[in-house]
Amino acid sequence: MIKDLEEEIGYRFHNISLLQNALTHSSYANERWHNSLLSNERLEFLGDSILGMLVAEYLYRNFPDRPEGELTRMRADMVCEKTLAGVAEQIHLGQHLLLGHGEEQGGGRTRESILADAVESVIAASFLDGGMEAARQFIRTFILVQVPVKQLHNVDYKTQLQELVQQKKNQVLAYVLLEETGPDHDKHFAVAVTLNGAEVGRGDGRSKKRAEQEAARLAIDKLFPGTNA
């Protein structure tokens, strides 16, 4: 089965244990070995940095007319959870993951956060096995083909809201966690954003970051209608 994944990504590992490690979710490692260090979390950490650097290099070289702020937003769009989960679906990564029983029952094979983390882990495994060129090949094949040259689908609403409210002096934005519910494998967060102490938006999501982004988006719609039309 793991050979099928190698066919999908177009790379044959010399050390197959690296790829197996990249597919091992912490729930499986904790359940089987009671040791989270045997999961893919360390590879995810490395893969995140490699991905960010190679995408930044590509954008710098290929978009010489774009300012730093726009390049930053383009990179964020290309390495975001939604994009990476899409890559995982393309290579059928979910069916190869090693998950604990609870995560399996909770739909972990299709959860965007797990899939995105696994893609970063595979990038790191490729790097450790075949060097930077192996990682670059994966990123070139599956991620650099999605350069958002027109409409960014992963808009940073928090930054956008901050920039809009700062058009006036002495404006204070704050994000308040209202609620955190659910088990560890299926958390749910509710967040409010306030402007000068008054609530202007409320969002929810499977991570605090997502909930904050949703709250900021709703605040923009309320305070600056038509901005994201």
Protein backbone atom coordinates (compact mmCIF):
# COMPACT_ATOMS: atom_id res chain seq x y z
CA MET A 1 0.00 0.00 0.00
CA ILE A 2 2.80 2.41 0.86
CA LYS A 3 4.25 1.80 -2.61
CA ASP A 4 1.02 3.18 -4.03
CA LEU A 5 1.70 6.42 -2.18
CA GLU A 6 5.24 6.55 -3.57
CA GLU A 7 3.73 6.23 -7.04
CA GLU A 8 1.31 9.07 -6.29
CA ILE A 9 4.05 11.47 -5.19
CA GLY A 10 6.54 10.34 -7.82
CA TYR A 11 9.36 9.60 -5.40
CA ARG A 12 10.81 6.29 -4.23
CA PHE A 13 12.21 6.39 -0.70
CA HIS A 14 15.59 4.85 0.08
CA ASN A 15 14.66 4.73 3.77
CA ILE A 16 11.00 3.73 3.83
CA SER A 17 10.82 4.17 7.61
CA LEU A 18 10.91 7.94 7.07
CA LEU A 19 7.73 7.80 5.03
CA GLN A 20 6.13 5.45 7.57
CA ASN A 21 6.99 7.95 10.31
CA ALA A 22 5.43 10.75 8.24
CA LEU A 23 2.17 8.80 8.15
CA THR A 24 2.05 8.13 11.91
CA HIS A 25 -0.38 10.41 13.73
CA SER A 26 0.19 11.16 17.41
CA SER A 27 -3.03 9.32 18.35
CA TYR A 28 -1.57 6.10 16.90
CA ALA A 29 1.84 6.61 18.50
CA ASN A 30 0.30 7.26 21.91
CA GLU A 31 -2.07 4.32 21.63
CA ARG A 32 0.49 1.83 20.34
CA TRP A 33 3.74 2.92 21.95
CA HIS A 34 2.68 5.53 24.55
CA ASN A 35 5.29 7.85 23.04
CA SER A 36 4.27 10.90 21.00
CA LEU A 37 7.90 11.36 19.89
CA LEU A 38 7.35 8.44 17.52
CA SER A 39 4.59 10.34 15.70
CA ASN A 40 5.00 12.64 12.68
CA GLU A 41 4.92 15.83 14.77
CA ARG A 42 8.68 16.42 14.60
CA LEU A 43 8.64 15.87 10.84
CA GLU A 44 5.72 18.29 10.58
CA PHE A 45 7.80 20.93 12.37
CA LEU A 46 10.65 20.49 9.89
CA GLY A 47 8.38 20.26 6.85
CA ASP A 48 6.62 23.49 7.73
CA SER A 49 9.92 25.39 7.61
CA ILE A 50 11.09 23.74 4.38
CA LEU A 51 7.78 24.43 2.68
CA GLY A 52 7.72 28.07 3.78
CA MET A 53 11.28 28.66 2.62
CA LEU A 54 10.91 27.04 -0.81
CA VAL A 55 7.60 28.77 -1.53
CA ALA A 56 9.09 32.11 -0.44
CA GLU A 57 12.08 31.56 -2.74
CA TYR A 58 9.80 30.74 -5.67
CA LEU A 59 7.63 33.81 -5.14
CA TYR A 60 10.67 36.08 -4.71
CA ARG A 61 12.22 34.89 -7.96
CA ASN A 62 9.04 34.78 -10.06
CA PHE A 63 7.20 37.90 -8.89
CA PRO A 64 9.83 40.68 -8.83
CA ASP A 65 7.14 43.35 -9.14
CA ARG A 66 5.18 42.29 -6.04
CA PRO A 67 5.77 44.07 -2.69
CA GLU A 68 6.65 42.19 0.48
CA GLY A 69 3.14 42.37 1.91
CA GLU A 70 1.57 40.80 -1.17
CA LEU A 71 4.23 38.09 -1.33
CA THR A 72 3.51 37.30 2.31
CA ARG A 73 -0.20 36.91 1.58
CA MET A 74 0.49 34.77 -1.48
CA ARG A 75 2.75 32.49 0.53
CA ALA A 76 0.18 32.21 3.31
CA ASP A 77 -2.40 31.16 0.74
CA MET A 78 -0.14 28.49 -0.75
CA VAL A 79 0.86 26.88 2.54
CA CYS A 80 -2.46 27.17 4.38
CA GLU A 81 -4.35 24.22 5.80
CA LYS A 82 -6.96 24.29 3.02
CA THR A 83 -4.34 24.14 0.27
CA LEU A 84 -2.33 21.36 1.91
CA ALA A 85 -5.44 19.32 2.65
CA GLY A 86 -6.30 19.60 -1.04
CA VAL A 87 -2.86 18.21 -1.91
CA ALA A 88 -3.45 15.34 0.53
CA GLU A 89 -6.73 14.51 -1.19
CA GLN A 90 -5.04 14.59 -4.58
CA ILE A 91 -2.48 11.96 -3.55
CA HIS A 92 -4.98 9.99 -1.43
CA LEU A 93 -2.84 10.54 1.65
CA GLY A 94 -5.67 10.02 4.12
CA GLN A 95 -6.04 6.33 3.34
CA HIS A 96 -2.38 5.71 4.22
CA LEU A 97 -2.40 7.42 7.64
CA LEU A 98 -1.87 5.47 10.85
CA LEU A 99 -4.50 6.74 13.29
CA GLY A 100 -5.53 5.83 16.80
CA HIS A 101 -8.95 4.27 17.32
CA GLY A 102 -10.58 7.47 18.56
CA GLU A 103 -9.20 9.56 15.72
CA GLU A 104 -10.24 6.89 13.21
CA GLN A 105 -13.78 6.87 14.55
CA GLY A 106 -13.86 10.67 14.61
CA GLY A 107 -13.21 10.99 10.88
CA GLY A 108 -9.51 11.80 11.14
CA ARG A 109 -8.74 10.54 7.63
CA THR A 110 -10.65 13.45 6.14
CA ARG A 111 -9.90 16.13 8.75
CA GLU A 112 -8.13 19.04 7.07
CA SER A 113 -5.75 19.75 9.95
CA ILE A 114 -4.50 16.14 10.07
CA LEU A 115 -4.12 15.94 6.30
CA ALA A 116 -2.25 19.25 6.12
CA ASP A 117 0.13 18.20 8.89
CA ALA A 118 0.77 14.91 7.11
CA VAL A 119 1.68 16.72 3.86
CA GLU A 120 4.27 18.77 5.75
CA SER A 121 5.59 15.56 7.30
CA VAL A 122 5.95 13.93 3.88
CA ILE A 123 7.86 16.99 2.65
CA ALA A 124 10.26 16.67 5.59
CA ALA A 125 10.63 12.92 5.05
CA SER A 126 11.45 13.55 1.39
CA PHE A 127 14.06 16.11 2.41
CA LEU A 128 15.73 13.79 4.93
CA ASP A 129 15.71 10.92 2.44
CA GLY A 130 16.72 12.68 -0.77
CA GLY A 131 17.86 16.18 0.13
CA MET A 132 16.41 19.56 -0.79
CA GLU A 133 15.82 18.56 -4.41
CA ALA A 134 13.46 15.76 -3.35
CA ALA A 135 11.46 18.19 -1.21
CA ARG A 136 11.53 20.78 -4.00
CA GLN A 137 10.21 18.21 -6.47
CA PHE A 138 7.20 17.47 -4.26
CA ILE A 139 6.49 21.16 -3.67
CA ARG A 140 6.94 22.03 -7.35
CA THR A 141 4.58 19.24 -8.43
CA PHE A 142 1.75 19.71 -5.96
CA ILE A 143 1.96 23.22 -4.47
CA LEU A 144 3.66 25.65 -6.84
CA VAL A 145 1.03 24.81 -9.46
CA GLN A 146 -1.48 26.63 -7.23
CA VAL A 147 0.08 30.11 -7.21
CA PRO A 148 -2.79 32.54 -6.37
CA VAL A 149 -1.92 35.23 -8.94
CA LYS A 150 -5.41 36.71 -8.88
CA GLN A 151 -7.86 36.10 -6.04
CA LEU A 152 -6.45 34.91 -2.73
CA HIS A 153 -8.76 32.30 -1.20
CA ASN A 154 -7.04 32.37 2.16
CA VAL A 155 -7.45 36.04 3.03
CA ASP A 156 -5.97 37.05 6.37
CA TYR A 157 -9.06 38.79 7.75
CA LYS A 158 -7.37 39.63 11.07
CA THR A 159 -4.64 41.62 9.33
CA GLN A 160 -7.15 43.20 6.99
CA LEU A 161 -9.38 44.28 9.88
CA GLN A 162 -6.39 45.70 11.76
CA GLU A 163 -5.36 47.75 8.71
CA LEU A 164 -8.89 49.06 8.21
CA VAL A 165 -9.49 50.17 11.80
CA GLN A 166 -6.05 51.79 12.02
CA GLN A 167 -7.18 54.34 9.46
CA LYS A 168 -8.45 56.15 12.56
CA LYS A 169 -6.27 56.84 15.58
CA ASN A 170 -6.55 55.16 18.99
CA GLN A 171 -8.53 52.13 17.83
CA VAL A 172 -8.14 49.02 19.99
CA LEU A 173 -8.98 45.56 18.64
CA ALA A 174 -9.10 42.52 20.90
CA TYR A 175 -10.07 38.87 20.50
CA VAL A 176 -11.85 37.11 23.35
CA LEU A 177 -12.21 33.33 23.64
CA LEU A 178 -15.85 32.75 24.56
CA GLU A 179 -16.02 28.97 24.59
CA GLU A 180 -13.91 25.86 24.02
CA THR A 181 -15.80 22.59 23.79
CA GLY A 182 -15.35 19.01 22.60
CA PRO A 183 -12.74 16.27 23.08
CA ASP A 184 -9.10 16.78 22.09
CA HIS A 185 -9.58 15.23 18.64
CA ASP A 186 -12.64 17.37 17.85
CA LYS A 187 -12.28 20.76 19.55
CA HIS A 188 -14.63 23.66 18.83
CA PHE A 189 -13.90 27.30 19.61
CA ALA A 190 -16.08 30.42 19.78
CA VAL A 191 -14.36 33.82 19.66
CA ALA A 192 -15.56 37.44 19.73
CA VAL A 193 -13.66 40.42 18.37
CA THR A 194 -14.14 43.78 20.05
CA LEU A 195 -13.36 47.30 18.87
CA ASN A 196 -12.78 49.75 21.69
CA GLY A 197 -14.53 47.36 24.04
CA ALA A 198 -17.65 46.77 21.92
CA GLU A 199 -18.23 43.42 20.23
CA VAL A 200 -18.21 43.78 16.44
CA GLY A 201 -18.03 40.16 15.32
CA ARG A 202 -18.29 36.61 16.57
CA GLY A 203 -16.93 33.48 14.89
CA ASP A 204 -16.46 29.79 15.52
CA GLY A 205 -14.25 27.03 14.15
CA ARG A 206 -12.25 23.89 14.85
CA SER A 207 -9.27 25.96 15.95
CA LYS A 208 -8.90 29.24 17.81
CA LYS A 209 -7.16 30.71 14.76
CA ARG A 210 -10.06 29.83 12.46
CA ALA A 211 -12.60 31.22 14.91
CA GLU A 212 -10.66 34.50 15.10
CA GLN A 213 -10.50 34.73 11.31
CA GLU A 214 -14.24 34.18 11.03
CA ALA A 215 -14.93 36.80 13.71
CA ALA A 216 -12.70 39.28 11.87
CA ARG A 217 -14.44 38.55 8.55
CA LEU A 218 -17.85 39.23 10.06
CA ALA A 219 -16.54 42.39 11.69
CA ILE A 220 -15.29 43.65 8.32
CA ASP A 221 -18.68 42.92 6.75
CA LYS A 222 -20.36 44.87 9.55
CA LEU A 223 -18.00 47.83 9.84
CA PHE A 224 -16.76 48.13 6.26
CA PRO A 225 -19.49 46.63 4.02
CA GLY A 226 -18.44 45.87 0.47
CA THR A 227 -14.73 45.56 1.29
CA ASN A 228 -14.55 41.86 0.41
CA ALA A 229 -17.27 41.83 -2.22
